[in-house]
Amino acid sequence: MSPTSKSSARFSSRKSRYSAGSPNTPFTSSAETVVTISTSQGARAGATLLLGVVLVCAAPLAGLALAHRPLAPFLAFPPRTAYVPHAGFHWLAWVLFSLPAFAAIAAFAWALRH
């Protein structure tokens, strides 16, 4: 008997001692679980991914076309940046934008005390 036939004979004799669905079967484990995806699910996932890529790439270009702006500067490589003067700091805007955060912190602190 060759070594390969010996091991296969040993495997088949061991396997016959256990029932197929037994949790004590040494040849199956939860780590060996295989998830199968049907062809229609795979095609649907691929189509969804392709649609997402198209939307991410095409939406900015469609916005430029609708605004009647040229596409060439936005498709140039390497991209060139232009200096943009920043707006000044406004304390009132900072206070208004930070109010929700301060309110959440105050509510949390109040809940901890009571």
PDB file of N, CA and C in Angstrom:
ATOM      1  N   MET A   1       0.849  -1.179   0.000  1.00  0.00           N
ATOM      2  CA  MET A   1       0.000   0.000   0.000  1.00  0.00           C
ATOM      3  C   MET A   1       0.893   1.239   0.000  1.00  0.00           C
ATOM      4  N   SER A   2       0.615   2.191  -0.856  1.00  0.00           N
ATOM      5  CA  SER A   2       1.424   3.407  -0.937  1.00  0.00           C
ATOM      6  C   SER A   2       1.080   4.340   0.211  1.00  0.00           C
ATOM      7  N   PRO A   3       1.971   5.296   0.534  1.00  0.00           N
ATOM      8  CA  PRO A   3       1.697   6.211   1.648  1.00  0.00           C
ATOM      9  C   PRO A   3       0.430   7.039   1.443  1.00  0.00           C
ATOM     10  N   THR A   4       0.156   7.428   0.209  1.00  0.00           N
ATOM     11  CA  THR A   4      -1.040   8.245  -0.019  1.00  0.00           C
ATOM     12  C   THR A   4      -2.310   7.432   0.175  1.00  0.00           C
ATOM     13  N   SER A   5      -2.291   6.176  -0.272  1.00  0.00           N
ATOM     14  CA  SER A   5      -3.490   5.365  -0.100  1.00  0.00           C
ATOM     15  C   SER A   5      -3.689   5.008   1.365  1.00  0.00           C
ATOM     16  N   LYS A   6      -2.571   4.876   2.126  1.00  0.00           N
ATOM     17  CA  LYS A   6      -2.679   4.618   3.551  1.00  0.00           C
ATOM     18  C   LYS A   6      -3.373   5.781   4.269  1.00  0.00           C
ATOM     19  N   SER A   7      -2.919   7.015   3.942  1.00  0.00           N
ATOM     20  CA  SER A   7      -3.515   8.172   4.612  1.00  0.00           C
ATOM     21  C   SER A   7      -4.971   8.354   4.212  1.00  0.00           C
ATOM     22  N   SER A   8      -5.294   8.085   2.957  1.00  0.00           N
ATOM     23  CA  SER A   8      -6.688   8.229   2.550  1.00  0.00           C
ATOM     24  C   SER A   8      -7.541   7.137   3.173  1.00  0.00           C
ATOM     25  N   ALA A   9      -6.988   5.933   3.350  1.00  0.00           N
ATOM     26  CA  ALA A   9      -7.730   4.863   4.004  1.00  0.00           C
ATOM     27  C   ALA A   9      -7.937   5.202   5.478  1.00  0.00           C
ATOM     28  N   ARG A  10      -6.913   5.764   6.112  1.00  0.00           N
ATOM     29  CA  ARG A  10      -7.020   6.164   7.504  1.00  0.00           C
ATOM     30  C   ARG A  10      -8.069   7.277   7.645  1.00  0.00           C
ATOM     31  N   PHE A  11      -8.045   8.238   6.717  1.00  0.00           N
ATOM     32  CA  PHE A  11      -9.009   9.338   6.744  1.00  0.00           C
ATOM     33  C   PHE A  11     -10.429   8.811   6.604  1.00  0.00           C
ATOM     34  N   SER A  12     -10.652   7.918   5.649  1.00  0.00           N
ATOM     35  CA  SER A  12     -12.005   7.421   5.429  1.00  0.00           C
ATOM     36  C   SER A  12     -12.475   6.563   6.591  1.00  0.00           C
ATOM     37  N   SER A  13     -11.560   5.815   7.234  1.00  0.00           N
ATOM     38  CA  SER A  13     -11.994   5.005   8.362  1.00  0.00           C
ATOM     39  C   SER A  13     -12.310   5.886   9.564  1.00  0.00           C
ATOM     40  N   ARG A  14     -11.544   6.953   9.771  1.00  0.00           N
ATOM     41  CA  ARG A  14     -11.837   7.864  10.874  1.00  0.00           C
ATOM     42  C   ARG A  14     -13.151   8.594  10.633  1.00  0.00           C
ATOM     43  N   LYS A  15     -13.345   9.014   9.400  1.00  0.00           N
ATOM     44  CA  LYS A  15     -14.536   9.787   9.079  1.00  0.00           C
ATOM     45  C   LYS A  15     -15.794   8.955   9.295  1.00  0.00           C
ATOM     46  N   SER A  16     -15.706   7.673   9.069  1.00  0.00           N
ATOM     47  CA  SER A  16     -16.888   6.838   9.207  1.00  0.00           C
ATOM     48  C   SER A  16     -17.298   6.668  10.665  1.00  0.00           C
ATOM     49  N   ARG A  17     -16.387   6.948  11.618  1.00  0.00           N
ATOM     50  CA  ARG A  17     -16.725   6.800  13.028  1.00  0.00           C
ATOM     51  C   ARG A  17     -17.575   7.960  13.534  1.00  0.00           C
ATOM     52  N   TYR A  18     -17.607   9.062  12.839  1.00  0.00           N
ATOM     53  CA  TYR A  18     -18.331  10.236  13.292  1.00  0.00           C
ATOM     54  C   TYR A  18     -19.519  10.494  12.381  1.00  0.00           C
ATOM     55  N   SER A  19     -20.578  11.032  12.967  1.00  0.00           N
ATOM     56  CA  SER A  19     -21.708  11.397  12.123  1.00  0.00           C
ATOM     57  C   SER A  19     -21.396  12.714  11.425  1.00  0.00           C
ATOM     58  N   ALA A  20     -22.053  12.964  10.338  1.00  0.00           N
ATOM     59  CA  ALA A  20     -21.726  14.129   9.507  1.00  0.00           C
ATOM     60  C   ALA A  20     -21.952  15.440  10.229  1.00  0.00           C
ATOM     61  N   GLY A  21     -22.968  15.551  11.040  1.00  0.00           N
ATOM     62  CA  GLY A  21     -23.276  16.813  11.700  1.00  0.00           C
ATOM     63  C   GLY A  21     -22.790  16.887  13.135  1.00  0.00           C
ATOM     64  N   SER A  22     -22.004  15.934  13.556  1.00  0.00           N
ATOM     65  CA  SER A  22     -21.561  15.888  14.938  1.00  0.00           C
ATOM     66  C   SER A  22     -20.597  17.023  15.240  1.00  0.00           C
ATOM     67  N   PRO A  23     -20.741  17.695  16.392  1.00  0.00           N
ATOM     68  CA  PRO A  23     -19.799  18.757  16.741  1.00  0.00           C
ATOM     69  C   PRO A  23     -18.420  18.207  17.105  1.00  0.00           C
ATOM     70  N   ASN A  24     -18.323  16.884  17.311  1.00  0.00           N
ATOM     71  CA  ASN A  24     -17.045  16.279  17.660  1.00  0.00           C
ATOM     72  C   ASN A  24     -16.236  15.861  16.447  1.00  0.00           C
ATOM     73  N   THR A  25     -16.738  16.095  15.267  1.00  0.00           N
ATOM     74  CA  THR A  25     -16.017  15.712  14.063  1.00  0.00           C
ATOM     75  C   THR A  25     -14.716  16.490  13.978  1.00  0.00           C
ATOM     76  N   PRO A  26     -13.563  15.804  13.919  1.00  0.00           N
ATOM     77  CA  PRO A  26     -12.298  16.518  13.926  1.00  0.00           C
ATOM     78  C   PRO A  26     -11.965  17.193  12.608  1.00  0.00           C
ATOM     79  N   PHE A  27     -12.740  16.961  11.569  1.00  0.00           N
ATOM     80  CA  PHE A  27     -12.392  17.467  10.250  1.00  0.00           C
ATOM     81  C   PHE A  27     -13.124  18.747   9.889  1.00  0.00           C
ATOM     82  N   THR A  28     -13.983  19.225  10.752  1.00  0.00           N
ATOM     83  CA  THR A  28     -14.684  20.483  10.479  1.00  0.00           C
ATOM     84  C   THR A  28     -14.526  21.393  11.681  1.00  0.00           C
ATOM     85  N   SER A  29     -14.494  22.662  11.410  1.00  0.00           N
ATOM     86  CA  SER A  29     -14.450  23.645  12.489  1.00  0.00           C
ATOM     87  C   SER A  29     -15.170  24.888  12.023  1.00  0.00           C
ATOM     88  N   SER A  30     -15.483  25.746  12.959  1.00  0.00           N
ATOM     89  CA  SER A  30     -16.182  26.976  12.585  1.00  0.00           C
ATOM     90  C   SER A  30     -15.287  27.879  11.754  1.00  0.00           C
ATOM     91  N   ALA A  31     -13.971  27.729  11.881  1.00  0.00           N
ATOM     92  CA  ALA A  31     -13.051  28.554  11.100  1.00  0.00           C
ATOM     93  C   ALA A  31     -13.032  28.139   9.638  1.00  0.00           C
ATOM     94  N   GLU A  32     -13.505  26.940   9.340  1.00  0.00           N
ATOM     95  CA  GLU A  32     -13.485  26.450   7.969  1.00  0.00           C
ATOM     96  C   GLU A  32     -14.791  26.723   7.237  1.00  0.00           C
ATOM     97  N   THR A  33     -15.674  27.481   7.836  1.00  0.00           N
ATOM     98  CA  THR A  33     -16.943  27.785   7.208  1.00  0.00           C
ATOM     99  C   THR A  33     -16.715  28.605   5.950  1.00  0.00           C
ATOM    100  N   VAL A  34     -17.331  28.192   4.882  1.00  0.00           N
ATOM    101  CA  VAL A  34     -17.159  28.867   3.601  1.00  0.00           C
ATOM    102  C   VAL A  34     -18.452  29.579   3.255  1.00  0.00           C
ATOM    103  N   VAL A  35     -18.349  30.849   2.928  1.00  0.00           N
ATOM    104  CA  VAL A  35     -19.514  31.624   2.519  1.00  0.00           C
ATOM    105  C   VAL A  35     -19.525  31.650   1.000  1.00  0.00           C
ATOM    106  N   THR A  36     -20.605  31.213   0.430  1.00  0.00           N
ATOM    107  CA  THR A  36     -20.706  31.220  -1.022  1.00  0.00           C
ATOM    108  C   THR A  36     -21.636  32.342  -1.447  1.00  0.00           C
ATOM    109  N   ILE A  37     -21.255  33.010  -2.492  1.00  0.00           N
ATOM    110  CA  ILE A  37     -22.070  34.082  -3.052  1.00  0.00           C
ATOM    111  C   ILE A  37     -22.522  33.624  -4.424  1.00  0.00           C
ATOM    112  N   SER A  38     -23.804  33.692  -4.638  1.00  0.00           N
ATOM    113  CA  SER A  38     -24.311  33.254  -5.931  1.00  0.00           C
ATOM    114  C   SER A  38     -23.872  34.237  -7.014  1.00  0.00           C
ATOM    115  N   THR A  39     -23.966  33.793  -8.229  1.00  0.00           N
ATOM    116  CA  THR A  39     -23.540  34.621  -9.355  1.00  0.00           C
ATOM    117  C   THR A  39     -24.355  35.904  -9.442  1.00  0.00           C
ATOM    118  N   SER A  40     -25.640  35.822  -9.159  1.00  0.00           N
ATOM    119  CA  SER A  40     -26.468  37.025  -9.251  1.00  0.00           C
ATOM    120  C   SER A  40     -26.099  38.020  -8.151  1.00  0.00           C
ATOM    121  N   GLN A  41     -25.761  37.522  -6.951  1.00  0.00           N
ATOM    122  CA  GLN A  41     -25.339  38.420  -5.880  1.00  0.00           C
ATOM    123  C   GLN A  41     -24.003  39.067  -6.216  1.00  0.00           C
ATOM    124  N   GLY A  42     -23.085  38.304  -6.782  1.00  0.00           N
ATOM    125  CA  GLY A  42     -21.789  38.854  -7.165  1.00  0.00           C
ATOM    126  C   GLY A  42     -21.925  39.889  -8.264  1.00  0.00           C
ATOM    127  N   ALA A  43     -22.790  39.619  -9.223  1.00  0.00           N
ATOM    128  CA  ALA A  43     -23.009  40.575 -10.307  1.00  0.00           C
ATOM    129  C   ALA A  43     -23.653  41.847  -9.774  1.00  0.00           C
ATOM    130  N   ARG A  44     -24.572  41.685  -8.836  1.00  0.00           N
ATOM    131  CA  ARG A  44     -25.234  42.856  -8.256  1.00  0.00           C
ATOM    132  C   ARG A  44     -24.246  43.691  -7.443  1.00  0.00           C
ATOM    133  N   ALA A  45     -23.377  43.024  -6.680  1.00  0.00           N
ATOM    134  CA  ALA A  45     -22.369  43.741  -5.902  1.00  0.00           C
ATOM    135  C   ALA A  45     -21.396  44.466  -6.828  1.00  0.00           C
ATOM    136  N   GLY A  46     -21.000  43.818  -7.905  1.00  0.00           N
ATOM    137  CA  GLY A  46     -20.106  44.456  -8.867  1.00  0.00           C
ATOM    138  C   GLY A  46     -20.752  45.652  -9.540  1.00  0.00           C
ATOM    139  N   ALA A  47     -22.024  45.516  -9.895  1.00  0.00           N
ATOM    140  CA  ALA A  47     -22.734  46.633 -10.522  1.00  0.00           C
ATOM    141  C   ALA A  47     -22.883  47.796  -9.555  1.00  0.00           C
ATOM    142  N   THR A  48     -23.146  47.496  -8.277  1.00  0.00           N
ATOM    143  CA  THR A  48     -23.262  48.559  -7.276  1.00  0.00           C
ATOM    144  C   THR A  48     -21.941  49.278  -7.093  1.00  0.00           C
ATOM    145  N   LEU A  49     -20.857  48.522  -7.040  1.00  0.00           N
ATOM    146  CA  LEU A  49     -19.535  49.128  -6.911  1.00  0.00           C
ATOM    147  C   LEU A  49     -19.203  49.989  -8.125  1.00  0.00           C
ATOM    148  N   LEU A  50     -19.495  49.501  -9.307  1.00  0.00           N
ATOM    149  CA  LEU A  50     -19.236  50.264 -10.529  1.00  0.00           C
ATOM    150  C   LEU A  50     -20.071  51.545 -10.560  1.00  0.00           C
ATOM    151  N   LEU A  51     -21.319  51.456 -10.155  1.00  0.00           N
ATOM    152  CA  LEU A  51     -22.175  52.651 -10.116  1.00  0.00           C
ATOM    153  C   LEU A  51     -21.619  53.672  -9.128  1.00  0.00           C
ATOM    154  N   GLY A  52     -21.148  53.216  -7.987  1.00  0.00           N
ATOM    155  CA  GLY A  52     -20.555  54.129  -7.010  1.00  0.00           C
ATOM    156  C   GLY A  52     -19.330  54.831  -7.546  1.00  0.00           C
ATOM    157  N   VAL A  53     -18.463  54.087  -8.235  1.00  0.00           N
ATOM    158  CA  VAL A  53     -17.258  54.687  -8.813  1.00  0.00           C
ATOM    159  C   VAL A  53     -17.629  55.711  -9.880  1.00  0.00           C
ATOM    160  N   VAL A  54     -18.595  55.369 -10.716  1.00  0.00           N
ATOM    161  CA  VAL A  54     -19.025  56.294 -11.765  1.00  0.00           C
ATOM    162  C   VAL A  54     -19.601  57.572 -11.155  1.00  0.00           C
ATOM    163  N   LEU A  55     -20.416  57.431 -10.114  1.00  0.00           N
ATOM    164  CA  LEU A  55     -21.002  58.616  -9.487  1.00  0.00           C
ATOM    165  C   LEU A  55     -19.935  59.489  -8.828  1.00  0.00           C
ATOM    166  N   VAL A  56     -18.979  58.871  -8.167  1.00  0.00           N
ATOM    167  CA  VAL A  56     -17.933  59.649  -7.503  1.00  0.00           C
ATOM    168  C   VAL A  56     -17.087  60.404  -8.526  1.00  0.00           C
ATOM    169  N   CYS A  57     -16.831  59.795  -9.657  1.00  0.00           N
ATOM    170  CA  CYS A  57     -15.997  60.445 -10.686  1.00  0.00           C
ATOM    171  C   CYS A  57     -16.804  61.409 -11.556  1.00  0.00           C
ATOM    172  N   ALA A  58     -18.044  61.059 -11.871  1.00  0.00           N
ATOM    173  CA  ALA A  58     -18.807  61.845 -12.827  1.00  0.00           C
ATOM    174  C   ALA A  58     -19.550  63.025 -12.200  1.00  0.00           C
ATOM    175  N   ALA A  59     -19.908  62.943 -10.936  1.00  0.00           N
ATOM    176  CA  ALA A  59     -20.690  64.012 -10.325  1.00  0.00           C
ATOM    177  C   ALA A  59     -19.966  65.363 -10.343  1.00  0.00           C
ATOM    178  N   PRO A  60     -18.684  65.444  -9.966  1.00  0.00           N
ATOM    179  CA  PRO A  60     -18.010  66.746 -10.040  1.00  0.00           C
ATOM    180  C   PRO A  60     -17.905  67.275 -11.468  1.00  0.00           C
ATOM    181  N   LEU A  61     -17.666  66.375 -12.419  1.00  0.00           N
ATOM    182  CA  LEU A  61     -17.568  66.811 -13.819  1.00  0.00           C
ATOM    183  C   LEU A  61     -18.928  67.276 -14.341  1.00  0.00           C
ATOM    184  N   ALA A  62     -19.991  66.606 -13.916  1.00  0.00           N
ATOM    185  CA  ALA A  62     -21.337  67.037 -14.324  1.00  0.00           C
ATOM    186  C   ALA A  62     -21.660  68.405 -13.728  1.00  0.00           C
ATOM    187  N   GLY A  63     -21.214  68.655 -12.507  1.00  0.00           N
ATOM    188  CA  GLY A  63     -21.420  69.969 -11.893  1.00  0.00           C
ATOM    189  C   GLY A  63     -20.697  71.065 -12.652  1.00  0.00           C
ATOM    190  N   LEU A  64     -19.487  70.775 -13.096  1.00  0.00           N
ATOM    191  CA  LEU A  64     -18.751  71.760 -13.901  1.00  0.00           C
ATOM    192  C   LEU A  64     -19.461  72.023 -15.222  1.00  0.00           C
ATOM    193  N   ALA A  65     -19.945  70.958 -15.848  1.00  0.00           N
ATOM    194  CA  ALA A  65     -20.642  71.126 -17.124  1.00  0.00           C
ATOM    195  C   ALA A  65     -21.922  71.938 -16.943  1.00  0.00           C
ATOM    196  N   LEU A  66     -22.664  71.688 -15.853  1.00  0.00           N
ATOM    197  CA  LEU A  66     -23.896  72.443 -15.604  1.00  0.00           C
ATOM    198  C   LEU A  66     -23.614  73.900 -15.270  1.00  0.00           C
ATOM    199  N   ALA A  67     -22.447  74.180 -14.708  1.00  0.00           N
ATOM    200  CA  ALA A  67     -22.077  75.560 -14.372  1.00  0.00           C
ATOM    201  C   ALA A  67     -21.409  76.268 -15.553  1.00  0.00           C
ATOM    202  N   HIS A  68     -21.298  75.576 -16.669  1.00  0.00           N
ATOM    203  CA  HIS A  68     -20.672  76.123 -17.889  1.00  0.00           C
ATOM    204  C   HIS A  68     -19.227  76.562 -17.627  1.00  0.00           C
ATOM    205  N   ARG A  69     -18.495  75.752 -16.857  1.00  0.00           N
ATOM    206  CA  ARG A  69     -17.082  76.026 -16.601  1.00  0.00           C
ATOM    207  C   ARG A  69     -16.261  75.030 -17.390  1.00  0.00           C
ATOM    208  N   PRO A  70     -15.075  75.385 -17.799  1.00  0.00           N
ATOM    209  CA  PRO A  70     -14.257  74.453 -18.586  1.00  0.00           C
ATOM    210  C   PRO A  70     -13.768  73.283 -17.731  1.00  0.00           C
ATOM    211  N   LEU A  71     -13.709  72.097 -18.349  1.00  0.00           N
ATOM    212  CA  LEU A  71     -13.272  70.898 -17.639  1.00  0.00           C
ATOM    213  C   LEU A  71     -11.749  70.760 -17.622  1.00  0.00           C
ATOM    214  N   ALA A  72     -11.078  71.339 -18.600  1.00  0.00           N
ATOM    215  CA  ALA A  72      -9.637  71.140 -18.763  1.00  0.00           C
ATOM    216  C   ALA A  72      -8.823  71.482 -17.510  1.00  0.00           C
ATOM    217  N   PRO A  73      -9.048  72.599 -16.820  1.00  0.00           N
ATOM    218  CA  PRO A  73      -8.234  72.876 -15.629  1.00  0.00           C
ATOM    219  C   PRO A  73      -8.407  71.839 -14.523  1.00  0.00           C
ATOM    220  N   PHE A  74      -9.558  71.224 -14.469  1.00  0.00           N
ATOM    221  CA  PHE A  74      -9.813  70.245 -13.419  1.00  0.00           C
ATOM    222  C   PHE A  74      -9.290  68.861 -13.770  1.00  0.00           C
ATOM    223  N   LEU A  75      -9.013  68.619 -15.040  1.00  0.00           N
ATOM    224  CA  LEU A  75      -8.480  67.333 -15.472  1.00  0.00           C
ATOM    225  C   LEU A  75      -6.970  67.383 -15.687  1.00  0.00           C
ATOM    226  N   ALA A  76      -6.348  68.528 -15.483  1.00  0.00           N
ATOM    227  CA  ALA A  76      -4.910  68.668 -15.689  1.00  0.00           C
ATOM    228  C   ALA A  76      -4.144  67.886 -14.629  1.00  0.00           C
ATOM    229  N   PHE A  77      -3.004  67.322 -15.041  1.00  0.00           N
ATOM    230  CA  PHE A  77      -2.153  66.609 -14.092  1.00  0.00           C
ATOM    231  C   PHE A  77      -0.733  67.089 -14.247  1.00  0.00           C
ATOM    232  N   PRO A  78      -0.036  67.404 -13.244  1.00  0.00           N
ATOM    233  CA  PRO A  78      -0.451  67.444 -11.845  1.00  0.00           C
ATOM    234  C   PRO A  78      -1.346  68.650 -11.603  1.00  0.00           C
ATOM    235  N   PRO A  79      -2.234  68.550 -10.657  1.00  0.00           N
ATOM    236  CA  PRO A  79      -3.158  69.659 -10.413  1.00  0.00           C
ATOM    237  C   PRO A  79      -2.426  70.885  -9.883  1.00  0.00           C
ATOM    238  N   ARG A  80      -2.852  72.027 -10.317  1.00  0.00           N
ATOM    239  CA  ARG A  80      -2.264  73.302  -9.875  1.00  0.00           C
ATOM    240  C   ARG A  80      -3.212  73.958  -8.886  1.00  0.00           C
ATOM    241  N   THR A  81      -2.660  74.431  -7.814  1.00  0.00           N
ATOM    242  CA  THR A  81      -3.490  75.106  -6.820  1.00  0.00           C
ATOM    243  C   THR A  81      -3.352  76.609  -6.979  1.00  0.00           C
ATOM    244  N   ALA A  82      -4.383  77.294  -6.611  1.00  0.00           N
ATOM    245  CA  ALA A  82      -4.376  78.752  -6.683  1.00  0.00           C
ATOM    246  C   ALA A  82      -4.510  79.294  -5.268  1.00  0.00           C
ATOM    247  N   TYR A  83      -3.902  80.424  -5.025  1.00  0.00           N
ATOM    248  CA  TYR A  83      -4.004  81.039  -3.711  1.00  0.00           C
ATOM    249  C   TYR A  83      -5.420  81.564  -3.509  1.00  0.00           C
ATOM    250  N   VAL A  84      -5.996  81.229  -2.378  1.00  0.00           N
ATOM    251  CA  VAL A  84      -7.326  81.695  -2.031  1.00  0.00           C
ATOM    252  C   VAL A  84      -7.218  82.445  -0.712  1.00  0.00           C
ATOM    253  N   PRO A  85      -7.580  83.731  -0.686  1.00  0.00           N
ATOM    254  CA  PRO A  85      -7.533  84.449   0.587  1.00  0.00           C
ATOM    255  C   PRO A  85      -8.608  83.923   1.529  1.00  0.00           C
ATOM    256  N   HIS A  86      -8.204  83.654   2.748  1.00  0.00           N
ATOM    257  CA  HIS A  86      -9.129  83.093   3.728  1.00  0.00           C
ATOM    258  C   HIS A  86      -9.939  84.192   4.397  1.00  0.00           C
ATOM    259  N   ALA A  87     -11.122  83.832   4.800  1.00  0.00           N
ATOM    260  CA  ALA A  87     -11.984  84.778   5.505  1.00  0.00           C
ATOM    261  C   ALA A  87     -11.432  85.013   6.905  1.00  0.00           C
ATOM    262  N   GLY A  88     -11.724  86.150   7.442  1.00  0.00           N
ATOM    263  CA  GLY A  88     -11.270  86.486   8.788  1.00  0.00           C
ATOM    264  C   GLY A  88     -12.007  85.667   9.840  1.00  0.00           C
ATOM    265  N   PHE A  89     -11.431  85.631  11.031  1.00  0.00           N
ATOM    266  CA  PHE A  89     -12.024  84.893  12.136  1.00  0.00           C
ATOM    267  C   PHE A  89     -13.124  85.736  12.774  1.00  0.00           C
ATOM    268  N   HIS A  90     -14.280  85.108  13.000  1.00  0.00           N
ATOM    269  CA  HIS A  90     -15.399  85.800  13.626  1.00  0.00           C
ATOM    270  C   HIS A  90     -15.780  85.057  14.902  1.00  0.00           C
ATOM    271  N   TRP A  91     -15.689  85.777  16.023  1.00  0.00           N
ATOM    272  CA  TRP A  91     -16.021  85.162  17.300  1.00  0.00           C
ATOM    273  C   TRP A  91     -17.481  84.749  17.376  1.00  0.00           C
ATOM    274  N   LEU A  92     -18.364  85.523  16.794  1.00  0.00           N
ATOM    275  CA  LEU A  92     -19.789  85.183  16.839  1.00  0.00           C
ATOM    276  C   LEU A  92     -20.049  83.856  16.121  1.00  0.00           C
ATOM    277  N   ALA A  93     -19.418  83.647  14.971  1.00  0.00           N
ATOM    278  CA  ALA A  93     -19.579  82.383  14.245  1.00  0.00           C
ATOM    279  C   ALA A  93     -19.031  81.219  15.075  1.00  0.00           C
ATOM    280  N   TRP A  94     -17.892  81.419  15.746  1.00  0.00           N
ATOM    281  CA  TRP A  94     -17.315  80.366  16.575  1.00  0.00           C
ATOM    282  C   TRP A  94     -18.263  80.002  17.718  1.00  0.00           C
ATOM    283  N   VAL A  95     -18.838  81.005  18.352  1.00  0.00           N
ATOM    284  CA  VAL A  95     -19.757  80.752  19.464  1.00  0.00           C
ATOM    285  C   VAL A  95     -20.991  80.004  18.962  1.00  0.00           C
ATOM    286  N   LEU A  96     -21.547  80.434  17.843  1.00  0.00           N
ATOM    287  CA  LEU A  96     -22.748  79.783  17.329  1.00  0.00           C
ATOM    288  C   LEU A  96     -22.490  78.326  16.926  1.00  0.00           C
ATOM    289  N   PHE A  97     -21.342  78.066  16.321  1.00  0.00           N
ATOM    290  CA  PHE A  97     -21.024  76.698  15.914  1.00  0.00           C
ATOM    291  C   PHE A  97     -20.640  75.811  17.092  1.00  0.00           C
ATOM    292  N   SER A  98     -20.145  76.383  18.164  1.00  0.00           N
ATOM    293  CA  SER A  98     -19.746  75.576  19.312  1.00  0.00           C
ATOM    294  C   SER A  98     -20.875  75.363  20.313  1.00  0.00           C
ATOM    295  N   LEU A  99     -21.972  76.085  20.185  1.00  0.00           N
ATOM    296  CA  LEU A  99     -23.094  75.927  21.108  1.00  0.00           C
ATOM    297  C   LEU A  99     -23.618  74.483  21.182  1.00  0.00           C
ATOM    298  N   PRO A 100     -23.821  73.766  20.075  1.00  0.00           N
ATOM    299  CA  PRO A 100     -24.289  72.377  20.199  1.00  0.00           C
ATOM    300  C   PRO A 100     -23.313  71.489  20.971  1.00  0.00           C
ATOM    301  N   ALA A 101     -22.032  71.683  20.772  1.00  0.00           N
ATOM    302  CA  ALA A 101     -21.051  70.879  21.498  1.00  0.00           C
ATOM    303  C   ALA A 101     -21.093  71.202  22.979  1.00  0.00           C
ATOM    304  N   PHE A 102     -21.156  72.483  23.321  1.00  0.00           N
ATOM    305  CA  PHE A 102     -21.236  72.864  24.732  1.00  0.00           C
ATOM    306  C   PHE A 102     -22.535  72.366  25.374  1.00  0.00           C
ATOM    307  N   ALA A 103     -23.621  72.391  24.623  1.00  0.00           N
ATOM    308  CA  ALA A 103     -24.894  71.898  25.143  1.00  0.00           C
ATOM    309  C   ALA A 103     -24.814  70.387  25.404  1.00  0.00           C
ATOM    310  N   ALA A 104     -24.181  69.653  24.521  1.00  0.00           N
ATOM    311  CA  ALA A 104     -24.038  68.203  24.711  1.00  0.00           C
ATOM    312  C   ALA A 104     -23.169  67.906  25.929  1.00  0.00           C
ATOM    313  N   ILE A 105     -22.085  68.649  26.097  1.00  0.00           N
ATOM    314  CA  ILE A 105     -21.212  68.456  27.254  1.00  0.00           C
ATOM    315  C   ILE A 105     -21.957  68.792  28.542  1.00  0.00           C
ATOM    316  N   ALA A 106     -22.724  69.866  28.539  1.00  0.00           N
ATOM    317  CA  ALA A 106     -23.497  70.250  29.718  1.00  0.00           C
ATOM    318  C   ALA A 106     -24.554  69.205  30.051  1.00  0.00           C
ATOM    319  N   ALA A 107     -25.234  68.675  29.052  1.00  0.00           N
ATOM    320  CA  ALA A 107     -26.247  67.633  29.279  1.00  0.00           C
ATOM    321  C   ALA A 107     -25.599  66.373  29.838  1.00  0.00           C
ATOM    322  N   PHE A 108     -24.445  66.018  29.339  1.00  0.00           N
ATOM    323  CA  PHE A 108     -23.735  64.836  29.828  1.00  0.00           C
ATOM    324  C   PHE A 108     -23.303  65.047  31.289  1.00  0.00           C
ATOM    325  N   ALA A 109     -22.763  66.218  31.590  1.00  0.00           N
ATOM    326  CA  ALA A 109     -22.338  66.510  32.953  1.00  0.00           C
ATOM    327  C   ALA A 109     -23.533  66.509  33.897  1.00  0.00           C
ATOM    328  N   TRP A 110     -24.663  67.060  33.471  1.00  0.00           N
ATOM    329  CA  TRP A 110     -25.863  67.079  34.283  1.00  0.00           C
ATOM    330  C   TRP A 110     -26.359  65.655  34.545  1.00  0.00           C
ATOM    331  N   ALA A 111     -26.292  64.788  33.511  1.00  0.00           N
ATOM    332  CA  ALA A 111     -26.736  63.398  33.673  1.00  0.00           C
ATOM    333  C   ALA A 111     -25.822  62.637  34.628  1.00  0.00           C
ATOM    334  N   LEU A 112     -24.546  62.955  34.644  1.00  0.00           N
ATOM    335  CA  LEU A 112     -23.632  62.275  35.557  1.00  0.00           C
ATOM    336  C   LEU A 112     -23.894  62.677  37.014  1.00  0.00           C
ATOM    337  N   ARG A 113     -24.276  63.919  37.219  1.00  0.00           N
ATOM    338  CA  ARG A 113     -24.536  64.403  38.581  1.00  0.00           C
ATOM    339  C   ARG A 113     -25.852  63.900  39.130  1.00  0.00           C
ATOM    340  N   HIS A 114     -26.828  63.598  38.274  1.00  0.00           N
ATOM    341  CA  HIS A 114     -28.153  63.200  38.760  1.00  0.00           C
ATOM    342  C   HIS A 114     -28.346  61.765  38.519  1.00  0.00           C
TER     343      HIS A 114
END
